[in-house]
């Protein structure tokens, strides 16, 4: 695959946070300049690598705390990685936390121009797109009211309308559409499909596997900040190879036989770096699973899973 076909390339990406037991420890760490460690490490992401082609839609799934939102924030530049590299080619539009990028005291109209400017549009370009933005948002006279008076549904309508009307090269959506009504969600999905068909690359986080199947070409499964499985959406969700992916799908509401994951989850703070973090909850775990870190292995066409028991 040539570099010109790549919209996003993530290489060995990791994000570590320092957890202090008490505020005084943070001060001690600063004053002693690292001569002693007063914190514990929380790896929100660890050694994540993948590529997204132009015009490709990739879904990201996993339970809360798996690192999905952290990954998107790193790609958009909201936070900086601890290690690793990110290469994003083209203009990025992102719908992350509800209301992010909006000034609550500004009107909807003022926030449209503010967001447009932040996304690199000139005033003339925003003027040319303004009618399309307000038509898609469909919030009527509230466009001239402060956004702090908006409902969550109105807020996501306006935010999504701004992001899609700039015709981005990369669109990143983090579950924000879940607050919209069914009709608006349908319009959003239709607009996303149109953008992708025109060459926009999509990173889409959702807990709704049916939507992921509908919207995405590939899916990546995260568990405690590591990639458990990645592959074509049909194959990875209908014939998953990683035990966590199988357990995740079976635990979803509406599955044929919902199950609860057994055992206790490994603590994400100071975890064993050379072990499978899912071993404590895996029915097929072997002794080597607690002593050796699994790497992603090819299990099919563009399908990989990180499991020692494949």
C-alpha atoms as a PDB file:
ATOM      1  CA  UNK A   1       0.000   0.000   0.000  1.00  0.00           C
ATOM      2  CA  UNK A   2       1.511   3.327  -1.046  1.00  0.00           C
ATOM      3  CA  UNK A   3       1.755   6.258   1.366  1.00  0.00           C
ATOM      4  CA  UNK A   4      -0.671   8.183  -0.838  1.00  0.00           C
ATOM      5  CA  UNK A   5      -3.396   5.654  -0.007  1.00  0.00           C
ATOM      6  CA  UNK A   6      -2.997   6.110   3.750  1.00  0.00           C
ATOM      7  CA  UNK A   7      -5.180   8.584   5.642  1.00  0.00           C
ATOM      8  CA  UNK A   8      -4.035   7.621   9.156  1.00  0.00           C
ATOM      9  CA  UNK A   9      -0.967   5.684  10.251  1.00  0.00           C
ATOM     10  CA  UNK A  10      -0.509   4.920  13.964  1.00  0.00           C
ATOM     11  CA  UNK A  11       2.780   3.331  15.043  1.00  0.00           C
ATOM     12  CA  UNK A  12       3.517   1.882  18.516  1.00  0.00           C
ATOM     13  CA  UNK A  13       1.250   4.472  20.144  1.00  0.00           C
ATOM     14  CA  UNK A  14       1.126   4.581  23.942  1.00  0.00           C
ATOM     15  CA  UNK A  15      -0.334   6.953  26.503  1.00  0.00           C
ATOM     16  CA  UNK A  16       0.627   6.794  30.175  1.00  0.00           C
ATOM     17  CA  UNK A  17      -0.891   8.790  33.022  1.00  0.00           C
ATOM     18  CA  UNK A  18       0.680   9.201  36.460  1.00  0.00           C
ATOM     19  CA  UNK A  19      -1.602   8.277  39.354  1.00  0.00           C
ATOM     20  CA  UNK A  20      -0.782   9.868  42.709  1.00  0.00           C
ATOM     21  CA  UNK A  21      -2.249   8.557  45.956  1.00  0.00           C
ATOM     22  CA  UNK A  22      -2.286  12.022  47.530  1.00  0.00           C
ATOM     23  CA  UNK A  23      -1.689  15.613  46.331  1.00  0.00           C
ATOM     24  CA  UNK A  24       1.540  15.927  48.306  1.00  0.00           C
ATOM     25  CA  UNK A  25       3.099  13.135  46.244  1.00  0.00           C
ATOM     26  CA  UNK A  26       2.704  15.211  43.107  1.00  0.00           C
ATOM     27  CA  UNK A  27       4.625  18.070  44.719  1.00  0.00           C
ATOM     28  CA  UNK A  28       7.355  15.703  45.957  1.00  0.00           C
ATOM     29  CA  UNK A  29       7.734  14.265  42.459  1.00  0.00           C
ATOM     30  CA  UNK A  30       8.232  17.757  41.045  1.00  0.00           C
ATOM     31  CA  UNK A  31      10.684  18.897  43.722  1.00  0.00           C
ATOM     32  CA  UNK A  32      12.819  15.757  43.668  1.00  0.00           C
ATOM     33  CA  UNK A  33      13.023  15.870  39.850  1.00  0.00           C
ATOM     34  CA  UNK A  34      12.494  12.162  39.359  1.00  0.00           C
ATOM     35  CA  UNK A  35      15.065  10.897  41.906  1.00  0.00           C
ATOM     36  CA  UNK A  36      12.233   8.906  43.457  1.00  0.00           C
ATOM     37  CA  UNK A  37       8.934   7.789  41.950  1.00  0.00           C
ATOM     38  CA  UNK A  38       5.814   8.781  43.883  1.00  0.00           C
ATOM     39  CA  UNK A  39       3.293   7.744  41.250  1.00  0.00           C
ATOM     40  CA  UNK A  40       1.864   4.605  39.711  1.00  0.00           C
ATOM     41  CA  UNK A  41       1.543   4.219  35.959  1.00  0.00           C
ATOM     42  CA  UNK A  42      -1.795   3.953  34.216  1.00  0.00           C
ATOM     43  CA  UNK A  43      -1.362   2.953  30.569  1.00  0.00           C
ATOM     44  CA  UNK A  44      -4.527   4.106  28.818  1.00  0.00           C
ATOM     45  CA  UNK A  45      -3.022   2.836  25.533  1.00  0.00           C
ATOM     46  CA  UNK A  46      -0.060   0.544  24.974  1.00  0.00           C
ATOM     47  CA  UNK A  47       1.726  -0.176  21.674  1.00  0.00           C
ATOM     48  CA  UNK A  48      -1.241   0.397  19.351  1.00  0.00           C
ATOM     49  CA  UNK A  49      -0.460   0.247  15.616  1.00  0.00           C
ATOM     50  CA  UNK A  50      -2.805   0.333  12.627  1.00  0.00           C
ATOM     51  CA  UNK A  51      -3.507   2.081   9.334  1.00  0.00           C
ATOM     52  CA  UNK A  52      -6.655   3.543   7.803  1.00  0.00           C
ATOM     53  CA  UNK A  53      -6.877   3.820   4.039  1.00  0.00           C
ATOM     54  CA  UNK A  54      -8.476   6.747   2.247  1.00  0.00           C
ATOM     55  CA  UNK A  55     -12.205   6.216   1.953  1.00  0.00           C
ATOM     56  CA  UNK A  56     -12.158   3.417   4.545  1.00  0.00           C
ATOM     57  CA  UNK A  57     -14.439   3.226   7.584  1.00  0.00           C
ATOM     58  CA  UNK A  58     -12.974   1.634  10.711  1.00  0.00           C
ATOM     59  CA  UNK A  59     -15.044   0.939  13.802  1.00  0.00           C
ATOM     60  CA  UNK A  60     -13.511   0.812  17.284  1.00  0.00           C
ATOM     61  CA  UNK A  61     -15.248  -1.225  19.967  1.00  0.00           C
ATOM     62  CA  UNK A  62     -14.553  -2.290  23.531  1.00  0.00           C
ATOM     63  CA  UNK A  63     -15.951  -1.843  26.993  1.00  0.00           C
ATOM     64  CA  UNK A  64     -15.695   1.450  28.868  1.00  0.00           C
ATOM     65  CA  UNK A  65     -12.102   2.076  29.888  1.00  0.00           C
ATOM     66  CA  UNK A  66     -10.579   0.184  26.970  1.00  0.00           C
ATOM     67  CA  UNK A  67      -8.878   3.278  25.515  1.00  0.00           C
ATOM     68  CA  UNK A  68     -11.217   4.129  22.626  1.00  0.00           C
ATOM     69  CA  UNK A  69     -11.690   7.808  23.457  1.00  0.00           C
ATOM     70  CA  UNK A  70      -8.029   8.221  24.392  1.00  0.00           C
ATOM     71  CA  UNK A  71      -7.031   6.903  20.969  1.00  0.00           C
ATOM     72  CA  UNK A  72      -9.297   9.377  19.182  1.00  0.00           C
ATOM     73  CA  UNK A  73      -8.057  12.276  21.306  1.00  0.00           C
ATOM     74  CA  UNK A  74      -4.470  11.385  20.432  1.00  0.00           C
ATOM     75  CA  UNK A  75      -5.236  11.269  16.711  1.00  0.00           C
ATOM     76  CA  UNK A  76      -7.015  14.630  16.802  1.00  0.00           C
ATOM     77  CA  UNK A  77      -4.160  16.182  18.777  1.00  0.00           C
ATOM     78  CA  UNK A  78      -6.227  16.968  21.868  1.00  0.00           C
ATOM     79  CA  UNK A  79      -3.643  15.157  24.001  1.00  0.00           C
ATOM     80  CA  UNK A  80      -0.043  14.158  23.315  1.00  0.00           C
ATOM     81  CA  UNK A  81       1.241  10.566  23.235  1.00  0.00           C
ATOM     82  CA  UNK A  82       3.785   9.244  25.697  1.00  0.00           C
ATOM     83  CA  UNK A  83       5.486   7.233  22.962  1.00  0.00           C
ATOM     84  CA  UNK A  84       4.765   6.376  19.351  1.00  0.00           C
ATOM     85  CA  UNK A  85       3.869   8.280  16.224  1.00  0.00           C
ATOM     86  CA  UNK A  86       0.692   9.424  14.478  1.00  0.00           C
ATOM     87  CA  UNK A  87       0.512  10.439  10.833  1.00  0.00           C
ATOM     88  CA  UNK A  88      -2.773  11.970   9.683  1.00  0.00           C
ATOM     89  CA  UNK A  89      -3.002  13.163   6.092  1.00  0.00           C
ATOM     90  CA  UNK A  90      -5.687  15.767   5.462  1.00  0.00           C
ATOM     91  CA  UNK A  91      -8.214  17.881   7.304  1.00  0.00           C
ATOM     92  CA  UNK A  92      -9.686  16.213  10.399  1.00  0.00           C
ATOM     93  CA  UNK A  93     -13.210  16.804  11.672  1.00  0.00           C
ATOM     94  CA  UNK A  94     -14.038  15.277  15.044  1.00  0.00           C
ATOM     95  CA  UNK A  95     -17.169  14.828  17.111  1.00  0.00           C
ATOM     96  CA  UNK A  96     -15.827  13.734  20.487  1.00  0.00           C
ATOM     97  CA  UNK A  97     -17.275  14.815  23.830  1.00  0.00           C
ATOM     98  CA  UNK A  98     -20.684  16.432  23.636  1.00  0.00           C
ATOM     99  CA  UNK A  99     -20.268  20.171  23.232  1.00  0.00           C
ATOM    100  CA  UNK A 100     -16.497  20.084  22.869  1.00  0.00           C
ATOM    101  CA  UNK A 101     -15.253  23.102  20.943  1.00  0.00           C
ATOM    102  CA  UNK A 102     -18.362  25.151  21.737  1.00  0.00           C
ATOM    103  CA  UNK A 103     -18.402  28.224  23.976  1.00  0.00           C
ATOM    104  CA  UNK A 104     -21.553  27.853  26.109  1.00  0.00           C
ATOM    105  CA  UNK A 105     -22.069  31.619  26.301  1.00  0.00           C
ATOM    106  CA  UNK A 106     -21.955  32.087  22.519  1.00  0.00           C
ATOM    107  CA  UNK A 107     -25.013  31.660  20.346  1.00  0.00           C
ATOM    108  CA  UNK A 108     -25.273  28.780  17.924  1.00  0.00           C
ATOM    109  CA  UNK A 109     -24.504  31.146  15.060  1.00  0.00           C
ATOM    110  CA  UNK A 110     -21.372  32.464  16.787  1.00  0.00           C
ATOM    111  CA  UNK A 111     -20.216  28.941  17.565  1.00  0.00           C
ATOM    112  CA  UNK A 112     -20.596  27.923  13.926  1.00  0.00           C
ATOM    113  CA  UNK A 113     -18.163  30.660  12.938  1.00  0.00           C
ATOM    114  CA  UNK A 114     -15.860  29.864  15.873  1.00  0.00           C
ATOM    115  CA  UNK A 115     -15.734  26.155  14.996  1.00  0.00           C
ATOM    116  CA  UNK A 116     -15.314  26.885  11.320  1.00  0.00           C
ATOM    117  CA  UNK A 117     -12.349  29.141  12.046  1.00  0.00           C
ATOM    118  CA  UNK A 118     -10.778  26.493  14.288  1.00  0.00           C
ATOM    119  CA  UNK A 119     -11.162  23.995  11.459  1.00  0.00           C
ATOM    120  CA  UNK A 120      -9.309  26.297   9.079  1.00  0.00           C
ATOM    121  CA  UNK A 121     -12.202  27.819   7.140  1.00  0.00           C
ATOM    122  CA  UNK A 122     -12.291  31.471   6.136  1.00  0.00           C
ATOM    123  CA  UNK A 123     -15.292  33.655   6.953  1.00  0.00           C
ATOM    124  CA  UNK A 124     -16.328  33.529   3.312  1.00  0.00           C
ATOM    125  CA  UNK A 125     -16.202  29.731   3.284  1.00  0.00           C
ATOM    126  CA  UNK A 126     -18.326  29.588   6.439  1.00  0.00           C
ATOM    127  CA  UNK A 127     -20.800  32.038   4.903  1.00  0.00           C
ATOM    128  CA  UNK A 128     -21.129  29.765   1.874  1.00  0.00           C
ATOM    129  CA  UNK A 129     -21.811  26.748   4.086  1.00  0.00           C
ATOM    130  CA  UNK A 130     -23.929  28.421   6.763  1.00  0.00           C
ATOM    131  CA  UNK A 131     -27.342  27.735   5.202  1.00  0.00           C
ATOM    132  CA  UNK A 132     -26.460  24.069   4.709  1.00  0.00           C
ATOM    133  CA  UNK A 133     -25.283  23.814   8.319  1.00  0.00           C
ATOM    134  CA  UNK A 134     -28.464  25.333   9.759  1.00  0.00           C
ATOM    135  CA  UNK A 135     -30.659  23.258   7.448  1.00  0.00           C
ATOM    136  CA  UNK A 136     -28.981  20.022   8.572  1.00  0.00           C
ATOM    137  CA  UNK A 137     -29.008  20.990  12.271  1.00  0.00           C
ATOM    138  CA  UNK A 138     -32.697  21.940  11.992  1.00  0.00           C
ATOM    139  CA  UNK A 139     -32.856  23.822  15.300  1.00  0.00           C
ATOM    140  CA  UNK A 140     -34.783  26.810  13.943  1.00  0.00           C
ATOM    141  CA  UNK A 141     -34.660  30.089  15.852  1.00  0.00           C
ATOM    142  CA  UNK A 142     -32.455  28.556  18.544  1.00  0.00           C
ATOM    143  CA  UNK A 143     -29.480  29.186  16.260  1.00  0.00           C
ATOM    144  CA  UNK A 144     -29.405  32.700  17.773  1.00  0.00           C
ATOM    145  CA  UNK A 145     -29.656  31.541  21.399  1.00  0.00           C
ATOM    146  CA  UNK A 146     -26.697  30.699  23.701  1.00  0.00           C
ATOM    147  CA  UNK A 147     -25.789  27.027  23.355  1.00  0.00           C
ATOM    148  CA  UNK A 148     -25.903  26.650  27.159  1.00  0.00           C
ATOM    149  CA  UNK A 149     -29.688  26.722  26.738  1.00  0.00           C
ATOM    150  CA  UNK A 150     -29.627  23.813  24.241  1.00  0.00           C
ATOM    151  CA  UNK A 151     -30.693  20.285  24.998  1.00  0.00           C
ATOM    152  CA  UNK A 152     -28.088  17.562  24.406  1.00  0.00           C
ATOM    153  CA  UNK A 153     -29.913  16.617  21.203  1.00  0.00           C
ATOM    154  CA  UNK A 154     -29.799  20.160  19.843  1.00  0.00           C
ATOM    155  CA  UNK A 155     -26.132  20.462  20.751  1.00  0.00           C
ATOM    156  CA  UNK A 156     -25.118  17.315  18.884  1.00  0.00           C
ATOM    157  CA  UNK A 157     -27.235  18.346  15.884  1.00  0.00           C
ATOM    158  CA  UNK A 158     -25.345  21.610  15.510  1.00  0.00           C
ATOM    159  CA  UNK A 159     -21.939  20.071  16.246  1.00  0.00           C
ATOM    160  CA  UNK A 160     -22.395  17.301  13.689  1.00  0.00           C
ATOM    161  CA  UNK A 161     -23.739  19.709  11.065  1.00  0.00           C
ATOM    162  CA  UNK A 162     -20.617  21.870  11.359  1.00  0.00           C
ATOM    163  CA  UNK A 163     -18.214  18.931  11.140  1.00  0.00           C
ATOM    164  CA  UNK A 164     -19.722  17.265   8.078  1.00  0.00           C
ATOM    165  CA  UNK A 165     -20.237  20.441   6.087  1.00  0.00           C
ATOM    166  CA  UNK A 166     -16.514  21.206   5.984  1.00  0.00           C
ATOM    167  CA  UNK A 167     -16.070  18.069   3.830  1.00  0.00           C
ATOM    168  CA  UNK A 168     -13.197  16.610   5.886  1.00  0.00           C
ATOM    169  CA  UNK A 169     -10.572  14.139   4.706  1.00  0.00           C
ATOM    170  CA  UNK A 170     -10.899  12.306   8.030  1.00  0.00           C
ATOM    171  CA  UNK A 171     -14.064  12.148  10.153  1.00  0.00           C
ATOM    172  CA  UNK A 172     -13.841  10.961  13.761  1.00  0.00           C
ATOM    173  CA  UNK A 173     -17.015  10.207  15.723  1.00  0.00           C
ATOM    174  CA  UNK A 174     -17.023   9.076  19.361  1.00  0.00           C
ATOM    175  CA  UNK A 175     -20.475   7.810  20.338  1.00  0.00           C
ATOM    176  CA  UNK A 176     -21.888  11.357  20.399  1.00  0.00           C
ATOM    177  CA  UNK A 177     -24.673  10.498  17.941  1.00  0.00           C
ATOM    178  CA  UNK A 178     -26.249   8.200  20.537  1.00  0.00           C
ATOM    179  CA  UNK A 179     -27.982  11.206  22.149  1.00  0.00           C
ATOM    180  CA  UNK A 180     -29.861  12.120  18.966  1.00  0.00           C
ATOM    181  CA  UNK A 181     -33.310  10.873  18.038  1.00  0.00           C
ATOM    182  CA  UNK A 182     -33.754   7.988  15.594  1.00  0.00           C
ATOM    183  CA  UNK A 183     -34.591  10.211  12.608  1.00  0.00           C
ATOM    184  CA  UNK A 184     -31.568  12.437  13.154  1.00  0.00           C
ATOM    185  CA  UNK A 185     -29.285   9.420  13.593  1.00  0.00           C
ATOM    186  CA  UNK A 186     -30.530   8.067  10.267  1.00  0.00           C
ATOM    187  CA  UNK A 187     -29.737  11.386   8.557  1.00  0.00           C
ATOM    188  CA  UNK A 188     -26.290  11.390  10.157  1.00  0.00           C
ATOM    189  CA  UNK A 189     -25.515   7.877   8.984  1.00  0.00           C
ATOM    190  CA  UNK A 190     -26.649   8.736   5.471  1.00  0.00           C
ATOM    191  CA  UNK A 191     -24.389  11.802   5.473  1.00  0.00           C
ATOM    192  CA  UNK A 192     -21.460   9.765   6.779  1.00  0.00           C
ATOM    193  CA  UNK A 193     -21.991   7.148   4.061  1.00  0.00           C
ATOM    194  CA  UNK A 194     -21.993   9.915   1.463  1.00  0.00           C
ATOM    195  CA  UNK A 195     -18.729  11.357   2.805  1.00  0.00           C
ATOM    196  CA  UNK A 196     -17.047   7.937   2.876  1.00  0.00           C
ATOM    197  CA  UNK A 197     -18.175   7.180  -0.677  1.00  0.00           C
ATOM    198  CA  UNK A 198     -16.551  10.475  -1.711  1.00  0.00           C
ATOM    199  CA  UNK A 199     -13.216   9.484  -0.150  1.00  0.00           C
ATOM    200  CA  UNK A 200     -13.474  10.581   3.498  1.00  0.00           C
ATOM    201  CA  UNK A 201     -11.905   8.174   5.985  1.00  0.00           C
ATOM    202  CA  UNK A 202     -13.962   7.363   9.086  1.00  0.00           C
ATOM    203  CA  UNK A 203     -13.001   6.372  12.627  1.00  0.00           C
ATOM    204  CA  UNK A 204     -16.197   5.444  14.447  1.00  0.00           C
ATOM    205  CA  UNK A 205     -16.527   4.473  18.120  1.00  0.00           C
ATOM    206  CA  UNK A 206     -19.768   2.802  19.150  1.00  0.00           C
ATOM    207  CA  UNK A 207     -21.199   0.248  21.569  1.00  0.00           C
ATOM    208  CA  UNK A 208     -23.864  -0.648  18.984  1.00  0.00           C
ATOM    209  CA  UNK A 209     -22.474  -3.552  16.975  1.00  0.00           C
ATOM    210  CA  UNK A 210     -25.314  -3.384  14.454  1.00  0.00           C
ATOM    211  CA  UNK A 211     -24.334   0.192  13.573  1.00  0.00           C
ATOM    212  CA  UNK A 212     -20.665  -0.818  13.341  1.00  0.00           C
ATOM    213  CA  UNK A 213     -21.602  -3.615  10.928  1.00  0.00           C
ATOM    214  CA  UNK A 214     -23.642  -1.181   8.862  1.00  0.00           C
ATOM    215  CA  UNK A 215     -21.167   1.703   8.745  1.00  0.00           C
ATOM    216  CA  UNK A 216     -17.697   0.150   8.816  1.00  0.00           C
ATOM    217  CA  UNK A 217     -15.386  -1.872   6.584  1.00  0.00           C
ATOM    218  CA  UNK A 218     -13.078  -2.993   9.381  1.00  0.00           C
ATOM    219  CA  UNK A 219     -13.312  -3.163  13.158  1.00  0.00           C
ATOM    220  CA  UNK A 220     -10.679  -2.886  15.882  1.00  0.00           C
ATOM    221  CA  UNK A 221     -11.289  -4.350  19.339  1.00  0.00           C
ATOM    222  CA  UNK A 222      -9.528  -2.731  22.306  1.00  0.00           C
ATOM    223  CA  UNK A 223      -9.080  -4.244  25.758  1.00  0.00           C
ATOM    224  CA  UNK A 224      -7.373  -2.258  28.538  1.00  0.00           C
ATOM    225  CA  UNK A 225      -5.530  -0.122  26.014  1.00  0.00           C
ATOM    226  CA  UNK A 226      -4.268  -2.912  23.774  1.00  0.00           C
ATOM    227  CA  UNK A 227      -5.494  -4.172  20.414  1.00  0.00           C
ATOM    228  CA  UNK A 228      -7.107  -7.575  20.933  1.00  0.00           C
ATOM    229  CA  UNK A 229      -8.312  -8.065  17.363  1.00  0.00           C
ATOM    230  CA  UNK A 230      -8.584  -6.176  14.090  1.00  0.00           C
ATOM    231  CA  UNK A 231     -10.037  -7.267  10.787  1.00  0.00           C
ATOM    232  CA  UNK A 232     -12.878  -7.068   8.253  1.00  0.00           C
ATOM    233  CA  UNK A 233     -16.058  -6.204  10.111  1.00  0.00           C
ATOM    234  CA  UNK A 234     -18.055  -9.185   8.820  1.00  0.00           C
ATOM    235  CA  UNK A 235     -15.393 -11.739   9.693  1.00  0.00           C
ATOM    236  CA  UNK A 236     -14.235 -10.199  12.970  1.00  0.00           C
ATOM    237  CA  UNK A 237     -17.771  -9.901  14.393  1.00  0.00           C
ATOM    238  CA  UNK A 238     -19.292 -13.090  12.971  1.00  0.00           C
ATOM    239  CA  UNK A 239     -16.252 -15.342  13.500  1.00  0.00           C
ATOM    240  CA  UNK A 240     -14.082 -13.612  16.131  1.00  0.00           C
ATOM    241  CA  UNK A 241     -10.805 -15.286  17.039  1.00  0.00           C
ATOM    242  CA  UNK A 242      -9.905 -13.535  20.291  1.00  0.00           C
ATOM    243  CA  UNK A 243     -11.682 -14.777  23.456  1.00  0.00           C
ATOM    244  CA  UNK A 244     -12.363 -11.206  24.531  1.00  0.00           C
ATOM    245  CA  UNK A 245     -14.076 -10.343  21.240  1.00  0.00           C
ATOM    246  CA  UNK A 246     -16.290 -13.412  21.599  1.00  0.00           C
ATOM    247  CA  UNK A 247     -17.112 -12.505  25.208  1.00  0.00           C
ATOM    248  CA  UNK A 248     -17.758  -8.872  24.289  1.00  0.00           C
ATOM    249  CA  UNK A 249     -20.220  -9.799  21.535  1.00  0.00           C
ATOM    250  CA  UNK A 250     -21.965 -12.336  23.788  1.00  0.00           C
ATOM    251  CA  UNK A 251     -22.315  -9.758  26.579  1.00  0.00           C
ATOM    252  CA  UNK A 252     -24.045  -7.195  24.372  1.00  0.00           C
ATOM    253  CA  UNK A 253     -27.773  -6.572  24.968  1.00  0.00           C
ATOM    254  CA  UNK A 254     -29.847  -8.395  22.404  1.00  0.00           C
ATOM    255  CA  UNK A 255     -27.397 -11.239  21.862  1.00  0.00           C
ATOM    256  CA  UNK A 256     -28.816 -14.758  21.704  1.00  0.00           C
ATOM    257  CA  UNK A 257     -27.413 -15.723  25.091  1.00  0.00           C
ATOM    258  CA  UNK A 258     -26.051 -12.699  27.002  1.00  0.00           C
ATOM    259  CA  UNK A 259     -23.221 -13.591  29.372  1.00  0.00           C
ATOM    260  CA  UNK A 260     -21.161 -11.848  32.005  1.00  0.00           C
ATOM    261  CA  UNK A 261     -17.394 -11.910  31.724  1.00  0.00           C
ATOM    262  CA  UNK A 262     -16.002 -14.274  34.388  1.00  0.00           C
ATOM    263  CA  UNK A 263     -13.355 -13.406  36.958  1.00  0.00           C
ATOM    264  CA  UNK A 264     -11.927 -10.039  37.918  1.00  0.00           C
ATOM    265  CA  UNK A 265     -10.497  -7.614  35.383  1.00  0.00           C
ATOM    266  CA  UNK A 266      -6.774  -6.926  35.559  1.00  0.00           C
ATOM    267  CA  UNK A 267      -6.043  -3.548  37.114  1.00  0.00           C
ATOM    268  CA  UNK A 268      -5.023  -1.032  34.437  1.00  0.00           C
ATOM    269  CA  UNK A 269      -2.683   0.620  36.964  1.00  0.00           C
ATOM    270  CA  UNK A 270       0.804  -0.894  36.939  1.00  0.00           C
ATOM    271  CA  UNK A 271      -0.320  -3.976  34.987  1.00  0.00           C
ATOM    272  CA  UNK A 272       2.054  -6.803  34.059  1.00  0.00           C
ATOM    273  CA  UNK A 273       3.606  -5.671  30.794  1.00  0.00           C
ATOM    274  CA  UNK A 274       4.659  -9.200  29.774  1.00  0.00           C
ATOM    275  CA  UNK A 275       1.337 -10.976  30.052  1.00  0.00           C
ATOM    276  CA  UNK A 276      -2.079 -11.198  28.444  1.00  0.00           C
ATOM    277  CA  UNK A 277      -4.287  -8.739  30.326  1.00  0.00           C
ATOM    278  CA  UNK A 278      -7.373 -10.837  29.547  1.00  0.00           C
ATOM    279  CA  UNK A 279      -5.905 -14.035  31.048  1.00  0.00           C
ATOM    280  CA  UNK A 280      -7.678 -13.597  34.408  1.00  0.00           C
ATOM    281  CA  UNK A 281     -11.072 -13.635  32.636  1.00  0.00           C
ATOM    282  CA  UNK A 282     -10.357 -16.142  29.862  1.00  0.00           C
ATOM    283  CA  UNK A 283     -11.760 -19.657  30.129  1.00  0.00           C
ATOM    284  CA  UNK A 284      -9.040 -20.928  27.763  1.00  0.00           C
ATOM    285  CA  UNK A 285      -6.078 -19.313  29.519  1.00  0.00           C
ATOM    286  CA  UNK A 286      -2.918 -21.392  29.862  1.00  0.00           C
ATOM    287  CA  UNK A 287       0.095 -20.826  32.159  1.00  0.00           C
ATOM    288  CA  UNK A 288       2.014 -19.075  29.371  1.00  0.00           C
ATOM    289  CA  UNK A 289      -0.771 -16.471  29.116  1.00  0.00           C
ATOM    290  CA  UNK A 290       0.329 -14.966  32.446  1.00  0.00           C
ATOM    291  CA  UNK A 291       4.004 -14.967  31.524  1.00  0.00           C
ATOM    292  CA  UNK A 292       4.124 -13.928  27.878  1.00  0.00           C
ATOM    293  CA  UNK A 293       2.655 -10.950  26.086  1.00  0.00           C
ATOM    294  CA  UNK A 294       0.687 -11.948  22.969  1.00  0.00           C
ATOM    295  CA  UNK A 295       1.429 -10.185  19.690  1.00  0.00           C
ATOM    296  CA  UNK A 296      -1.016  -9.679  16.824  1.00  0.00           C
ATOM    297  CA  UNK A 297      -0.969 -12.746  14.564  1.00  0.00           C
ATOM    298  CA  UNK A 298      -2.454 -13.166  11.100  1.00  0.00           C
ATOM    299  CA  UNK A 299      -5.579 -15.343  11.301  1.00  0.00           C
ATOM    300  CA  UNK A 300      -7.083 -14.502   7.902  1.00  0.00           C
ATOM    301  CA  UNK A 301      -7.061 -11.933   5.126  1.00  0.00           C
ATOM    302  CA  UNK A 302      -6.214  -8.633   6.875  1.00  0.00           C
ATOM    303  CA  UNK A 303      -7.486 -10.247  10.081  1.00  0.00           C
ATOM    304  CA  UNK A 304      -5.261 -10.308  13.182  1.00  0.00           C
ATOM    305  CA  UNK A 305      -5.744 -11.325  16.792  1.00  0.00           C
ATOM    306  CA  UNK A 306      -3.448 -11.096  19.820  1.00  0.00           C
ATOM    307  CA  UNK A 307      -3.830 -14.458  21.537  1.00  0.00           C
ATOM    308  CA  UNK A 308      -1.335 -17.173  22.478  1.00  0.00           C
ATOM    309  CA  UNK A 309      -4.019 -19.882  22.176  1.00  0.00           C
ATOM    310  CA  UNK A 310      -4.879 -19.448  18.496  1.00  0.00           C
END
